[in-house]
Structure formats: C-alpha cells, structure tokens
Amino acid sequence: MKHTVRSVLVLGLLAVFAVGCTALTGKSAGQNVEDAKIAASVKTKLAAEKVATLTKIDVDTNQGTVYLNGTVENAGMKQRASDIARQVAGVREVVNNLKVGAIQ
C-alpha cells in the first residue's frame, strides 16, 4: 500500500514538473532537453575549429532553430559558424545574428 501511494506521488510530481516546464517555456521537457543537446553540440563543434573567435559565439536553440549571437572578425568566420551549426543533427534552421567587426 505504501509503495503504491509513493508511486502515485512520484508520478504526480513528475506530471507537475512536466507541466511547469511547458508553462514556463512553451516547450515540453523533451524539447528543452533536445534544444540543450543541440546547443551543446554546436558549441563543441565551434570550439573544435580552434579559432578563438568562434568559441566566444553565444549559441541559443529554440525548437531546433539555432541562434548565433556575438561578434566575429570577418565575414568568412560568420559564414563558417553557420556552416558548422547546420552540420549538427536536429538543427532545423540557423539564424546568424553575428556581427563582423573588432573583437573586444
């Protein structure tokens, strides 16, 4: 009997948590996890390029759309960042908001 009550309580808490995640972000818990995984993969690939500027790019993901923000040194780096992001599994679209200019 105690095990059943405990199981029901745990399932109830999980349901509240899942609804809470959806209410706060408009996304399911699964989508939040998938977006975080995509963002981490993009950041890892950018860091692997060994161009210091690319490691300073801010990467946000929302429902498979990757947003790149920050400043890069030249147009080639801007394009390379988009190309790298598109290579990651699960990316539906890349919005490149990178600015070209002097890095501070």
N, C-alpha and C. Protein backbone atom coordinates (compact mmCIF):
# COMPACT_ATOMS: atom_id res chain seq x y z
N MET A 1 0.82 -1.19 0.00
CA MET A 1 0.00 0.00 0.00
C MET A 1 0.87 1.26 0.00
N LYS A 2 1.91 1.29 0.86
CA LYS A 2 2.79 2.45 0.91
C LYS A 2 3.52 2.64 -0.42
N HIS A 3 3.92 1.53 -1.03
CA HIS A 3 4.63 1.59 -2.31
C HIS A 3 3.73 2.21 -3.39
N THR A 4 2.47 1.83 -3.40
CA THR A 4 1.52 2.36 -4.39
C THR A 4 1.31 3.85 -4.17
N VAL A 5 1.15 4.27 -2.93
CA VAL A 5 0.96 5.70 -2.63
C VAL A 5 2.19 6.49 -3.03
N ARG A 6 3.35 5.95 -2.72
CA ARG A 6 4.60 6.62 -3.07
C ARG A 6 4.73 6.74 -4.59
N SER A 7 4.38 5.69 -5.31
CA SER A 7 4.45 5.71 -6.78
C SER A 7 3.51 6.76 -7.35
N VAL A 8 2.31 6.85 -6.81
CA VAL A 8 1.35 7.83 -7.27
C VAL A 8 1.86 9.24 -7.01
N LEU A 9 2.46 9.47 -5.84
CA LEU A 9 3.00 10.78 -5.51
C LEU A 9 4.14 11.16 -6.45
N VAL A 10 5.03 10.22 -6.73
CA VAL A 10 6.16 10.48 -7.63
C VAL A 10 5.64 10.80 -9.03
N LEU A 11 4.69 10.02 -9.51
CA LEU A 11 4.12 10.29 -10.84
C LEU A 11 3.43 11.64 -10.88
N GLY A 12 2.76 11.99 -9.80
CA GLY A 12 2.10 13.29 -9.72
C GLY A 12 3.10 14.43 -9.77
N LEU A 13 4.19 14.29 -9.03
CA LEU A 13 5.23 15.31 -9.05
C LEU A 13 5.87 15.44 -10.42
N LEU A 14 6.11 14.32 -11.08
CA LEU A 14 6.67 14.36 -12.44
C LEU A 14 5.71 15.06 -13.40
N ALA A 15 4.43 14.80 -13.26
CA ALA A 15 3.45 15.45 -14.12
C ALA A 15 3.43 16.96 -13.89
N VAL A 16 3.48 17.37 -12.63
CA VAL A 16 3.51 18.80 -12.31
C VAL A 16 4.77 19.43 -12.87
N PHE A 17 5.91 18.74 -12.73
CA PHE A 17 7.18 19.25 -13.26
C PHE A 17 7.09 19.43 -14.77
N ALA A 18 6.56 18.43 -15.46
CA ALA A 18 6.46 18.50 -16.93
C ALA A 18 5.54 19.63 -17.36
N VAL A 19 4.43 19.79 -16.67
CA VAL A 19 3.51 20.89 -16.99
C VAL A 19 4.16 22.22 -16.68
N GLY A 20 4.90 22.28 -15.58
CA GLY A 20 5.60 23.51 -15.21
C GLY A 20 6.61 23.91 -16.25
N CYS A 21 7.35 22.96 -16.77
CA CYS A 21 8.34 23.25 -17.82
C CYS A 21 7.64 23.80 -19.06
N THR A 22 6.54 23.20 -19.43
CA THR A 22 5.82 23.65 -20.60
C THR A 22 5.25 25.05 -20.37
N ALA A 23 4.75 25.29 -19.17
CA ALA A 23 4.16 26.60 -18.87
C ALA A 23 5.21 27.71 -18.89
N LEU A 24 6.41 27.43 -18.41
CA LEU A 24 7.46 28.45 -18.35
C LEU A 24 8.08 28.76 -19.71
N THR A 25 8.27 27.75 -20.52
CA THR A 25 8.99 27.95 -21.77
C THR A 25 8.12 27.77 -23.02
N GLY A 26 6.95 27.21 -22.85
CA GLY A 26 6.11 26.92 -24.01
C GLY A 26 6.56 25.67 -24.74
N LYS A 27 7.54 24.97 -24.17
CA LYS A 27 8.06 23.74 -24.77
C LYS A 27 7.93 22.61 -23.78
N SER A 28 7.87 21.39 -24.30
CA SER A 28 7.84 20.23 -23.42
C SER A 28 9.23 20.01 -22.82
N ALA A 29 9.27 19.21 -21.77
CA ALA A 29 10.56 18.89 -21.15
C ALA A 29 11.48 18.22 -22.16
N GLY A 30 10.92 17.36 -23.00
CA GLY A 30 11.72 16.69 -24.02
C GLY A 30 12.32 17.66 -25.02
N GLN A 31 11.54 18.67 -25.41
CA GLN A 31 12.05 19.67 -26.35
C GLN A 31 13.14 20.51 -25.71
N ASN A 32 12.98 20.84 -24.42
CA ASN A 32 14.03 21.57 -23.70
C ASN A 32 15.33 20.80 -23.70
N VAL A 33 15.24 19.50 -23.45
CA VAL A 33 16.44 18.66 -23.43
C VAL A 33 17.06 18.58 -24.82
N GLU A 34 16.24 18.40 -25.84
CA GLU A 34 16.74 18.32 -27.21
C GLU A 34 17.42 19.62 -27.63
N ASP A 35 16.82 20.77 -27.29
CA ASP A 35 17.42 22.05 -27.63
C ASP A 35 18.75 22.25 -26.92
N ALA A 36 18.83 21.84 -25.66
CA ALA A 36 20.08 21.96 -24.90
C ALA A 36 21.16 21.07 -25.53
N LYS A 37 20.76 19.90 -25.97
CA LYS A 37 21.70 18.97 -26.62
C LYS A 37 22.22 19.55 -27.93
N ILE A 38 21.33 20.15 -28.72
CA ILE A 38 21.75 20.77 -29.98
C ILE A 38 22.71 21.92 -29.71
N ALA A 39 22.37 22.80 -28.77
CA ALA A 39 23.23 23.94 -28.46
C ALA A 39 24.61 23.47 -28.00
N ALA A 40 24.66 22.45 -27.16
CA ALA A 40 25.94 21.93 -26.68
C ALA A 40 26.75 21.36 -27.84
N SER A 41 26.10 20.67 -28.76
CA SER A 41 26.81 20.11 -29.91
C SER A 41 27.37 21.20 -30.81
N VAL A 42 26.59 22.26 -31.03
CA VAL A 42 27.06 23.37 -31.86
C VAL A 42 28.27 24.03 -31.19
N LYS A 43 28.19 24.28 -29.89
CA LYS A 43 29.30 24.89 -29.16
C LYS A 43 30.56 24.02 -29.23
N THR A 44 30.38 22.72 -29.11
CA THR A 44 31.51 21.80 -29.17
C THR A 44 32.17 21.85 -30.55
N LYS A 45 31.36 21.86 -31.60
CA LYS A 45 31.91 21.92 -32.96
C LYS A 45 32.60 23.26 -33.23
N LEU A 46 32.03 24.35 -32.71
CA LEU A 46 32.68 25.66 -32.87
C LEU A 46 34.03 25.67 -32.15
N ALA A 47 34.08 25.11 -30.95
CA ALA A 47 35.33 25.07 -30.19
C ALA A 47 36.37 24.20 -30.89
N ALA A 48 35.94 23.17 -31.56
CA ALA A 48 36.87 22.27 -32.27
C ALA A 48 37.55 22.96 -33.44
N GLU A 49 37.00 24.04 -33.92
CA GLU A 49 37.59 24.79 -35.02
C GLU A 49 38.91 25.46 -34.63
N LYS A 50 39.14 25.63 -33.35
CA LYS A 50 40.37 26.21 -32.82
C LYS A 50 40.61 27.64 -33.29
N VAL A 51 39.54 28.31 -33.63
CA VAL A 51 39.62 29.74 -33.93
C VAL A 51 39.03 30.42 -32.69
N ALA A 52 39.83 31.17 -31.97
CA ALA A 52 39.41 31.73 -30.69
C ALA A 52 38.09 32.48 -30.78
N THR A 53 37.87 33.18 -31.86
CA THR A 53 36.64 33.96 -32.01
C THR A 53 35.41 33.07 -31.99
N LEU A 54 35.48 31.91 -32.63
CA LEU A 54 34.32 31.04 -32.72
C LEU A 54 33.91 30.48 -31.35
N THR A 55 34.84 30.40 -30.42
CA THR A 55 34.49 29.90 -29.09
C THR A 55 33.74 30.95 -28.28
N LYS A 56 33.74 32.20 -28.72
CA LYS A 56 33.07 33.28 -28.00
C LYS A 56 31.66 33.53 -28.52
N ILE A 57 31.19 32.74 -29.44
CA ILE A 57 29.86 32.91 -30.01
C ILE A 57 28.83 32.36 -29.03
N ASP A 58 27.77 33.14 -28.80
CA ASP A 58 26.67 32.69 -27.96
C ASP A 58 25.72 31.87 -28.83
N VAL A 59 25.37 30.69 -28.35
CA VAL A 59 24.50 29.79 -29.10
C VAL A 59 23.24 29.54 -28.29
N ASP A 60 22.09 29.86 -28.87
CA ASP A 60 20.80 29.58 -28.25
C ASP A 60 20.01 28.72 -29.22
N THR A 61 19.20 27.83 -28.69
CA THR A 61 18.39 26.96 -29.54
C THR A 61 16.95 26.97 -29.05
N ASN A 62 16.03 27.09 -29.98
CA ASN A 62 14.61 27.07 -29.66
C ASN A 62 13.89 26.23 -30.70
N GLN A 63 13.39 25.09 -30.29
CA GLN A 63 12.68 24.16 -31.16
C GLN A 63 13.44 23.84 -32.43
N GLY A 64 14.73 23.57 -32.27
CA GLY A 64 15.58 23.17 -33.39
C GLY A 64 16.17 24.31 -34.19
N THR A 65 15.77 25.55 -33.90
CA THR A 65 16.34 26.71 -34.57
C THR A 65 17.50 27.23 -33.73
N VAL A 66 18.67 27.31 -34.34
CA VAL A 66 19.88 27.76 -33.64
C VAL A 66 20.08 29.24 -33.93
N TYR A 67 20.30 30.01 -32.87
CA TYR A 67 20.57 31.44 -32.98
C TYR A 67 22.02 31.68 -32.59
N LEU A 68 22.78 32.28 -33.50
CA LEU A 68 24.19 32.61 -33.25
C LEU A 68 24.28 34.11 -33.01
N ASN A 69 24.86 34.49 -31.87
CA ASN A 69 24.98 35.90 -31.49
C ASN A 69 26.41 36.20 -31.06
N GLY A 70 26.83 37.42 -31.30
CA GLY A 70 28.17 37.84 -30.90
C GLY A 70 28.86 38.56 -32.05
N THR A 71 30.17 38.66 -31.94
CA THR A 71 30.97 39.36 -32.95
C THR A 71 32.10 38.46 -33.40
N VAL A 72 32.34 38.45 -34.70
CA VAL A 72 33.46 37.70 -35.28
C VAL A 72 34.32 38.68 -36.08
N GLU A 73 35.53 38.26 -36.40
CA GLU A 73 36.49 39.15 -37.05
C GLU A 73 36.20 39.44 -38.52
N ASN A 74 35.61 38.46 -39.22
CA ASN A 74 35.40 38.67 -40.66
C ASN A 74 34.20 37.86 -41.16
N ALA A 75 33.81 38.15 -42.39
CA ALA A 75 32.64 37.50 -42.98
C ALA A 75 32.84 35.99 -43.15
N GLY A 76 34.07 35.58 -43.40
CA GLY A 76 34.36 34.15 -43.53
C GLY A 76 34.06 33.39 -42.25
N MET A 77 34.42 33.99 -41.10
CA MET A 77 34.13 33.35 -39.82
C MET A 77 32.63 33.29 -39.57
N LYS A 78 31.93 34.34 -39.97
CA LYS A 78 30.48 34.37 -39.80
C LYS A 78 29.85 33.22 -40.59
N GLN A 79 30.26 33.07 -41.83
CA GLN A 79 29.72 32.01 -42.67
C GLN A 79 30.11 30.63 -42.13
N ARG A 80 31.35 30.49 -41.66
CA ARG A 80 31.82 29.21 -41.14
C ARG A 80 31.00 28.79 -39.91
N ALA A 81 30.65 29.76 -39.07
CA ALA A 81 29.85 29.45 -37.89
C ALA A 81 28.48 28.89 -38.30
N SER A 82 27.87 29.48 -39.32
CA SER A 82 26.58 28.98 -39.82
C SER A 82 26.73 27.57 -40.38
N ASP A 83 27.78 27.37 -41.16
CA ASP A 83 28.03 26.05 -41.76
C ASP A 83 28.19 24.99 -40.68
N ILE A 84 28.93 25.32 -39.65
CA ILE A 84 29.16 24.37 -38.55
C ILE A 84 27.84 24.04 -37.86
N ALA A 85 27.04 25.05 -37.57
CA ALA A 85 25.76 24.83 -36.88
C ALA A 85 24.84 23.94 -37.70
N ARG A 86 24.83 24.12 -39.01
CA ARG A 86 23.95 23.33 -39.88
C ARG A 86 24.35 21.85 -39.91
N GLN A 87 25.58 21.54 -39.56
CA GLN A 87 26.06 20.15 -39.58
C GLN A 87 25.55 19.33 -38.39
N VAL A 88 25.02 19.98 -37.38
CA VAL A 88 24.59 19.29 -36.16
C VAL A 88 23.22 18.65 -36.37
N ALA A 89 23.11 17.41 -35.96
CA ALA A 89 21.85 16.68 -36.06
C ALA A 89 20.77 17.38 -35.25
N GLY A 90 19.58 17.50 -35.83
CA GLY A 90 18.45 18.10 -35.14
C GLY A 90 18.25 19.58 -35.44
N VAL A 91 19.25 20.21 -36.09
CA VAL A 91 19.13 21.63 -36.42
C VAL A 91 18.18 21.77 -37.60
N ARG A 92 17.14 22.57 -37.41
CA ARG A 92 16.16 22.81 -38.47
C ARG A 92 16.49 24.07 -39.27
N GLU A 93 17.02 25.06 -38.55
CA GLU A 93 17.31 26.35 -39.18
C GLU A 93 18.40 27.03 -38.36
N VAL A 94 19.18 27.89 -39.02
CA VAL A 94 20.20 28.68 -38.34
C VAL A 94 19.91 30.15 -38.60
N VAL A 95 19.81 30.92 -37.51
CA VAL A 95 19.65 32.36 -37.61
C VAL A 95 20.97 32.97 -37.16
N ASN A 96 21.69 33.53 -38.13
CA ASN A 96 23.03 34.05 -37.86
C ASN A 96 22.94 35.55 -37.59
N ASN A 97 22.99 35.90 -36.31
CA ASN A 97 22.95 37.31 -35.88
C ASN A 97 24.35 37.84 -35.59
N LEU A 98 25.38 37.14 -36.05
CA LEU A 98 26.75 37.54 -35.77
C LEU A 98 27.07 38.85 -36.48
N LYS A 99 27.78 39.69 -35.79
CA LYS A 99 28.24 40.94 -36.36
C LYS A 99 29.72 40.80 -36.71
N VAL A 100 30.11 41.42 -37.80
CA VAL A 100 31.52 41.40 -38.21
C VAL A 100 32.14 42.71 -37.75
N GLY A 101 33.25 42.59 -37.03
CA GLY A 101 33.92 43.79 -36.53
C GLY A 101 35.04 43.44 -35.57
N ALA A 102 35.57 44.46 -34.94
CA ALA A 102 36.66 44.27 -34.00
C ALA A 102 36.16 43.55 -32.75
N ILE A 103 36.91 42.56 -32.35
CA ILE A 103 36.59 41.79 -31.14
C ILE A 103 37.14 42.52 -29.92
N GLN A 104 36.32 42.63 -28.91
CA GLN A 104 36.76 43.32 -27.69
C GLN A 104 37.13 42.36 -26.61
